[in-house]
Amino acid sequence: MSTAIKIKSKPPDESQLILRLQSRDRRALEVIFDSYGSILLNVIKRIVRDEDIAEDVLQEVLLKVWNQSQKYDGSKGSLFTWLVTISKNSAIDKTKTKDFRLSHESKLSPELVSIEREDGNNDLERLYMKQVIDQLPPNQRKLIDLAYFQGYTQREISENLGLPLGTVKTRLRSALMHLRTVI
């Protein structure tokens, strides 16, 4: 019985690849994607922690590589290092955008959570929870009450209290983080 060993293709000749890229050979970009795409995607995912956003950032990276190929300087590092640097910087830039922060915060904080149990034997837990929640700043305590005990959504709280939705999400998230450390 013979076992087939899959031999990985030889890495591209970086000097030839960069020359092709600088002469606007579209096939060079395809080779870059085929050879380095999965590595670059992993670099980006480690920073943005979201598959869809990472794929979008990778597309932006490839566009930057295409548009900035003339800026590549082989004396400063290899093509691979240049690609990783562009990927890392693009991912970091993405995390600094307002849209990224808002969408990331909204994914981290749940809309509704039921803290109470349905069995009637939770008086001690209720008393403990009340004491823990009473330790929160008043603005966070009010939001916890509205969201988790009265069942309001974050958007409803925002509208009812006249607070920006981002503020509501941030305060709820901070309150939940505090509660997790105490409970």
C-alpha atoms as a PDB file:
ATOM      1  CA  MET A   1       0.000   0.000   0.000  1.00  0.00           C
ATOM      2  CA  SER A   2       1.498   3.300  -1.006  1.00  0.00           C
ATOM      3  CA  THR A   3       0.626   6.552   0.613  1.00  0.00           C
ATOM      4  CA  ALA A   4       0.615   9.636  -1.494  1.00  0.00           C
ATOM      5  CA  ILE A   5       2.436  12.584  -0.090  1.00  0.00           C
ATOM      6  CA  LYS A   6       1.219  15.917  -1.276  1.00  0.00           C
ATOM      7  CA  ILE A   7       4.179  18.108  -2.077  1.00  0.00           C
ATOM      8  CA  LYS A   8       3.569  21.773  -1.611  1.00  0.00           C
ATOM      9  CA  SER A   9       4.413  23.894  -4.579  1.00  0.00           C
ATOM     10  CA  LYS A  10       7.679  25.761  -4.425  1.00  0.00           C
ATOM     11  CA  PRO A  11       7.334  29.299  -3.076  1.00  0.00           C
ATOM     12  CA  PRO A  12       7.442  31.919  -5.802  1.00  0.00           C
ATOM     13  CA  ASP A  13      10.642  33.735  -6.661  1.00  0.00           C
ATOM     14  CA  GLU A  14       9.968  36.975  -4.819  1.00  0.00           C
ATOM     15  CA  SER A  15      12.242  39.130  -6.948  1.00  0.00           C
ATOM     16  CA  GLN A  16      10.515  37.982 -10.154  1.00  0.00           C
ATOM     17  CA  LEU A  17       7.110  38.320  -8.518  1.00  0.00           C
ATOM     18  CA  ILE A  18       7.685  41.912  -7.445  1.00  0.00           C
ATOM     19  CA  LEU A  19       8.976  42.809 -10.917  1.00  0.00           C
ATOM     20  CA  ARG A  20       5.843  41.330 -12.469  1.00  0.00           C
ATOM     21  CA  LEU A  21       3.687  43.180  -9.936  1.00  0.00           C
ATOM     22  CA  GLN A  22       5.425  46.476 -10.621  1.00  0.00           C
ATOM     23  CA  SER A  23       4.952  45.975 -14.358  1.00  0.00           C
ATOM     24  CA  ARG A  24       1.206  45.613 -13.638  1.00  0.00           C
ATOM     25  CA  ASP A  25       0.967  41.892 -14.434  1.00  0.00           C
ATOM     26  CA  ARG A  26      -2.368  40.865 -12.900  1.00  0.00           C
ATOM     27  CA  ARG A  27      -1.216  37.270 -12.699  1.00  0.00           C
ATOM     28  CA  ALA A  28       1.390  38.383 -10.121  1.00  0.00           C
ATOM     29  CA  LEU A  29      -1.406  39.433  -7.776  1.00  0.00           C
ATOM     30  CA  GLU A  30      -3.066  36.043  -8.248  1.00  0.00           C
ATOM     31  CA  VAL A  31       0.210  34.322  -7.360  1.00  0.00           C
ATOM     32  CA  ILE A  32       0.517  36.492  -4.242  1.00  0.00           C
ATOM     33  CA  PHE A  33      -3.011  35.572  -3.222  1.00  0.00           C
ATOM     34  CA  ASP A  34      -2.479  31.871  -3.900  1.00  0.00           C
ATOM     35  CA  SER A  35       0.894  31.772  -2.150  1.00  0.00           C
ATOM     36  CA  TYR A  36       0.337  34.087   0.801  1.00  0.00           C
ATOM     37  CA  GLY A  37      -3.413  34.672   1.069  1.00  0.00           C
ATOM     38  CA  SER A  38      -4.146  32.179   3.852  1.00  0.00           C
ATOM     39  CA  ILE A  39      -1.211  33.390   5.953  1.00  0.00           C
ATOM     40  CA  LEU A  40      -2.205  37.024   5.505  1.00  0.00           C
ATOM     41  CA  LEU A  41      -5.818  36.211   6.354  1.00  0.00           C
ATOM     42  CA  ASN A  42      -4.676  34.559   9.594  1.00  0.00           C
ATOM     43  CA  VAL A  43      -2.592  37.609  10.511  1.00  0.00           C
ATOM     44  CA  ILE A  44      -5.617  39.832   9.945  1.00  0.00           C
ATOM     45  CA  LYS A  45      -8.027  37.511  11.815  1.00  0.00           C
ATOM     46  CA  ARG A  46      -5.818  37.555  14.899  1.00  0.00           C
ATOM     47  CA  ILE A  47      -6.316  41.302  15.056  1.00  0.00           C
ATOM     48  CA  VAL A  48      -9.932  41.849  13.964  1.00  0.00           C
ATOM     49  CA  ARG A  49     -11.280  38.512  15.300  1.00  0.00           C
ATOM     50  CA  ASP A  50     -14.019  38.311  12.705  1.00  0.00           C
ATOM     51  CA  GLU A  51     -13.908  36.151   9.556  1.00  0.00           C
ATOM     52  CA  ASP A  52     -16.008  38.423   7.340  1.00  0.00           C
ATOM     53  CA  ILE A  53     -14.174  41.581   8.334  1.00  0.00           C
ATOM     54  CA  ALA A  54     -10.825  39.807   7.900  1.00  0.00           C
ATOM     55  CA  GLU A  55     -11.754  38.832   4.343  1.00  0.00           C
ATOM     56  CA  ASP A  56     -12.707  42.429   3.574  1.00  0.00           C
ATOM     57  CA  VAL A  57      -9.422  43.679   5.001  1.00  0.00           C
ATOM     58  CA  LEU A  58      -7.507  41.110   2.918  1.00  0.00           C
ATOM     59  CA  GLN A  59      -9.151  42.482  -0.219  1.00  0.00           C
ATOM     60  CA  GLU A  60      -8.089  45.976   0.830  1.00  0.00           C
ATOM     61  CA  VAL A  61      -4.550  44.673   1.414  1.00  0.00           C
ATOM     62  CA  LEU A  62      -4.365  43.179  -2.067  1.00  0.00           C
ATOM     63  CA  LEU A  63      -5.586  46.456  -3.535  1.00  0.00           C
ATOM     64  CA  LYS A  64      -2.916  48.354  -1.564  1.00  0.00           C
ATOM     65  CA  VAL A  65      -0.254  45.914  -2.758  1.00  0.00           C
ATOM     66  CA  TRP A  66      -1.373  46.453  -6.337  1.00  0.00           C
ATOM     67  CA  ASN A  67      -1.516  50.243  -6.031  1.00  0.00           C
ATOM     68  CA  GLN A  68       1.661  50.630  -3.962  1.00  0.00           C
ATOM     69  CA  SER A  69       3.889  48.023  -5.623  1.00  0.00           C
ATOM     70  CA  GLN A  70       6.272  50.781  -6.759  1.00  0.00           C
ATOM     71  CA  LYS A  71       6.932  51.628  -3.096  1.00  0.00           C
ATOM     72  CA  TYR A  72       8.272  48.162  -2.318  1.00  0.00           C
ATOM     73  CA  ASP A  73      11.921  48.361  -1.253  1.00  0.00           C
ATOM     74  CA  GLY A  74      13.715  45.024  -1.161  1.00  0.00           C
ATOM     75  CA  SER A  75      16.508  46.459   0.990  1.00  0.00           C
ATOM     76  CA  LYS A  76      14.027  46.902   3.867  1.00  0.00           C
ATOM     77  CA  GLY A  77      12.802  43.319   3.850  1.00  0.00           C
ATOM     78  CA  SER A  78      11.374  40.485   1.818  1.00  0.00           C
ATOM     79  CA  LEU A  79       8.157  40.639  -0.155  1.00  0.00           C
ATOM     80  CA  PHE A  80       6.564  38.375   2.433  1.00  0.00           C
ATOM     81  CA  THR A  81       7.537  40.755   5.266  1.00  0.00           C
ATOM     82  CA  TRP A  82       6.138  43.687   3.298  1.00  0.00           C
ATOM     83  CA  LEU A  83       2.846  41.831   2.744  1.00  0.00           C
ATOM     84  CA  VAL A  84       2.548  40.907   6.421  1.00  0.00           C
ATOM     85  CA  THR A  85       3.294  44.482   7.470  1.00  0.00           C
ATOM     86  CA  ILE A  86       0.625  45.885   5.151  1.00  0.00           C
ATOM     87  CA  SER A  87      -1.844  43.268   6.410  1.00  0.00           C
ATOM     88  CA  LYS A  88      -1.107  43.966  10.061  1.00  0.00           C
ATOM     89  CA  ASN A  89      -1.316  47.736   9.642  1.00  0.00           C
ATOM     90  CA  SER A  90      -4.543  47.495   7.630  1.00  0.00           C
ATOM     91  CA  ALA A  91      -6.131  45.268  10.280  1.00  0.00           C
ATOM     92  CA  ILE A  92      -5.090  47.648  13.057  1.00  0.00           C
ATOM     93  CA  ASP A  93      -6.447  50.603  11.067  1.00  0.00           C
ATOM     94  CA  LYS A  94      -9.740  48.723  10.670  1.00  0.00           C
ATOM     95  CA  THR A  95     -10.069  48.243  14.446  1.00  0.00           C
ATOM     96  CA  LYS A  96      -9.721  51.989  14.914  1.00  0.00           C
ATOM     97  CA  THR A  97     -12.739  52.834  12.757  1.00  0.00           C
ATOM     98  CA  LYS A  98     -15.950  53.873  14.451  1.00  0.00           C
ATOM     99  CA  ASP A  99     -18.010  51.321  12.515  1.00  0.00           C
ATOM    100  CA  PHE A 100     -15.741  48.470  13.620  1.00  0.00           C
ATOM    101  CA  ARG A 101     -15.853  49.488  17.285  1.00  0.00           C
ATOM    102  CA  LEU A 102     -19.634  49.851  17.298  1.00  0.00           C
ATOM    103  CA  SER A 103     -20.250  46.540  15.553  1.00  0.00           C
ATOM    104  CA  HIS A 104     -17.688  44.790  17.753  1.00  0.00           C
ATOM    105  CA  GLU A 105     -19.220  46.174  20.957  1.00  0.00           C
ATOM    106  CA  SER A 106     -22.720  45.193  19.878  1.00  0.00           C
ATOM    107  CA  LYS A 107     -21.568  41.615  19.232  1.00  0.00           C
ATOM    108  CA  LEU A 108     -20.027  41.460  22.698  1.00  0.00           C
ATOM    109  CA  SER A 109     -23.042  42.640  24.647  1.00  0.00           C
ATOM    110  CA  PRO A 110     -26.216  40.572  24.552  1.00  0.00           C
ATOM    111  CA  GLU A 111     -29.600  42.185  24.005  1.00  0.00           C
ATOM    112  CA  LEU A 112     -31.460  40.293  26.718  1.00  0.00           C
ATOM    113  CA  VAL A 113     -30.382  37.996  29.521  1.00  0.00           C
ATOM    114  CA  SER A 114     -32.575  36.444  32.130  1.00  0.00           C
ATOM    115  CA  ILE A 115     -30.828  36.461  35.483  1.00  0.00           C
ATOM    116  CA  GLU A 116     -33.736  35.052  37.466  1.00  0.00           C
ATOM    117  CA  ARG A 117     -34.595  31.374  37.614  1.00  0.00           C
ATOM    118  CA  GLU A 118     -38.104  30.084  37.248  1.00  0.00           C
ATOM    119  CA  ASP A 119     -38.062  27.885  40.363  1.00  0.00           C
ATOM    120  CA  GLY A 120     -39.280  29.816  43.397  1.00  0.00           C
ATOM    121  CA  ASN A 121     -36.228  28.923  45.517  1.00  0.00           C
ATOM    122  CA  ASN A 122     -33.918  31.758  44.605  1.00  0.00           C
ATOM    123  CA  ASP A 123     -34.485  34.256  47.419  1.00  0.00           C
ATOM    124  CA  LEU A 124     -30.850  34.086  48.578  1.00  0.00           C
ATOM    125  CA  GLU A 125     -29.603  34.466  45.016  1.00  0.00           C
ATOM    126  CA  ARG A 126     -31.916  37.409  44.477  1.00  0.00           C
ATOM    127  CA  LEU A 127     -30.676  39.088  47.659  1.00  0.00           C
ATOM    128  CA  TYR A 128     -27.065  38.466  46.632  1.00  0.00           C
ATOM    129  CA  MET A 129     -27.696  39.812  43.116  1.00  0.00           C
ATOM    130  CA  LYS A 130     -29.353  42.912  44.565  1.00  0.00           C
ATOM    131  CA  GLN A 131     -26.304  43.568  46.760  1.00  0.00           C
ATOM    132  CA  VAL A 132     -23.932  43.066  43.840  1.00  0.00           C
ATOM    133  CA  ILE A 133     -25.969  45.277  41.505  1.00  0.00           C
ATOM    134  CA  ASP A 134     -26.213  47.966  44.193  1.00  0.00           C
ATOM    135  CA  GLN A 135     -22.402  48.272  43.975  1.00  0.00           C
ATOM    136  CA  LEU A 136     -22.648  49.488  40.379  1.00  0.00           C
ATOM    137  CA  PRO A 137     -22.659  53.202  39.564  1.00  0.00           C
ATOM    138  CA  PRO A 138     -26.238  54.532  39.352  1.00  0.00           C
ATOM    139  CA  ASN A 139     -26.157  54.967  35.556  1.00  0.00           C
ATOM    140  CA  GLN A 140     -25.099  51.321  35.055  1.00  0.00           C
ATOM    141  CA  ARG A 141     -27.506  50.038  37.720  1.00  0.00           C
ATOM    142  CA  LYS A 142     -30.440  51.702  35.943  1.00  0.00           C
ATOM    143  CA  LEU A 143     -29.433  50.179  32.598  1.00  0.00           C
ATOM    144  CA  ILE A 144     -29.072  46.687  34.122  1.00  0.00           C
ATOM    145  CA  ASP A 145     -32.520  47.029  35.651  1.00  0.00           C
ATOM    146  CA  LEU A 146     -34.101  48.142  32.387  1.00  0.00           C
ATOM    147  CA  ALA A 147     -32.336  45.571  30.207  1.00  0.00           C
ATOM    148  CA  TYR A 148     -32.262  42.471  32.353  1.00  0.00           C
ATOM    149  CA  PHE A 149     -35.137  42.803  34.783  1.00  0.00           C
ATOM    150  CA  GLN A 150     -37.649  44.814  32.772  1.00  0.00           C
ATOM    151  CA  GLY A 151     -36.774  43.322  29.385  1.00  0.00           C
ATOM    152  CA  TYR A 152     -36.042  46.459  27.372  1.00  0.00           C
ATOM    153  CA  THR A 153     -33.738  46.191  24.361  1.00  0.00           C
ATOM    154  CA  GLN A 154     -30.681  48.395  24.160  1.00  0.00           C
ATOM    155  CA  ARG A 155     -32.297  50.419  21.392  1.00  0.00           C
ATOM    156  CA  GLU A 156     -35.440  50.983  23.522  1.00  0.00           C
ATOM    157  CA  ILE A 157     -33.303  52.067  26.472  1.00  0.00           C
ATOM    158  CA  SER A 158     -31.424  54.464  24.220  1.00  0.00           C
ATOM    159  CA  GLU A 159     -34.635  56.010  22.942  1.00  0.00           C
ATOM    160  CA  ASN A 160     -36.351  56.163  26.365  1.00  0.00           C
ATOM    161  CA  LEU A 161     -33.397  57.714  28.187  1.00  0.00           C
ATOM    162  CA  GLY A 162     -32.261  59.911  25.321  1.00  0.00           C
ATOM    163  CA  LEU A 163     -28.783  58.364  25.350  1.00  0.00           C
ATOM    164  CA  PRO A 164     -26.754  57.405  22.287  1.00  0.00           C
ATOM    165  CA  LEU A 165     -27.004  53.671  21.564  1.00  0.00           C
ATOM    166  CA  GLY A 166     -23.221  53.339  21.817  1.00  0.00           C
ATOM    167  CA  THR A 167     -23.294  54.822  25.330  1.00  0.00           C
ATOM    168  CA  VAL A 168     -25.964  52.342  26.414  1.00  0.00           C
ATOM    169  CA  LYS A 169     -23.974  49.423  24.991  1.00  0.00           C
ATOM    170  CA  THR A 170     -20.730  50.598  26.571  1.00  0.00           C
ATOM    171  CA  ARG A 171     -22.285  51.107  30.011  1.00  0.00           C
ATOM    172  CA  LEU A 172     -24.067  47.754  29.897  1.00  0.00           C
ATOM    173  CA  ARG A 173     -20.887  46.023  28.826  1.00  0.00           C
ATOM    174  CA  SER A 174     -18.914  47.681  31.637  1.00  0.00           C
ATOM    175  CA  ALA A 175     -21.587  46.689  34.142  1.00  0.00           C
ATOM    176  CA  LEU A 176     -21.584  43.084  32.923  1.00  0.00           C
ATOM    177  CA  MET A 177     -17.808  42.906  33.114  1.00  0.00           C
ATOM    178  CA  HIS A 178     -17.952  44.168  36.696  1.00  0.00           C
ATOM    179  CA  LEU A 179     -20.677  41.677  37.578  1.00  0.00           C
ATOM    180  CA  ARG A 180     -18.683  38.793  36.083  1.00  0.00           C
ATOM    181  CA  THR A 181     -15.705  39.605  38.303  1.00  0.00           C
ATOM    182  CA  VAL A 182     -17.859  39.660  41.428  1.00  0.00           C
ATOM    183  CA  ILE A 183     -20.190  36.727  40.780  1.00  0.00           C
END
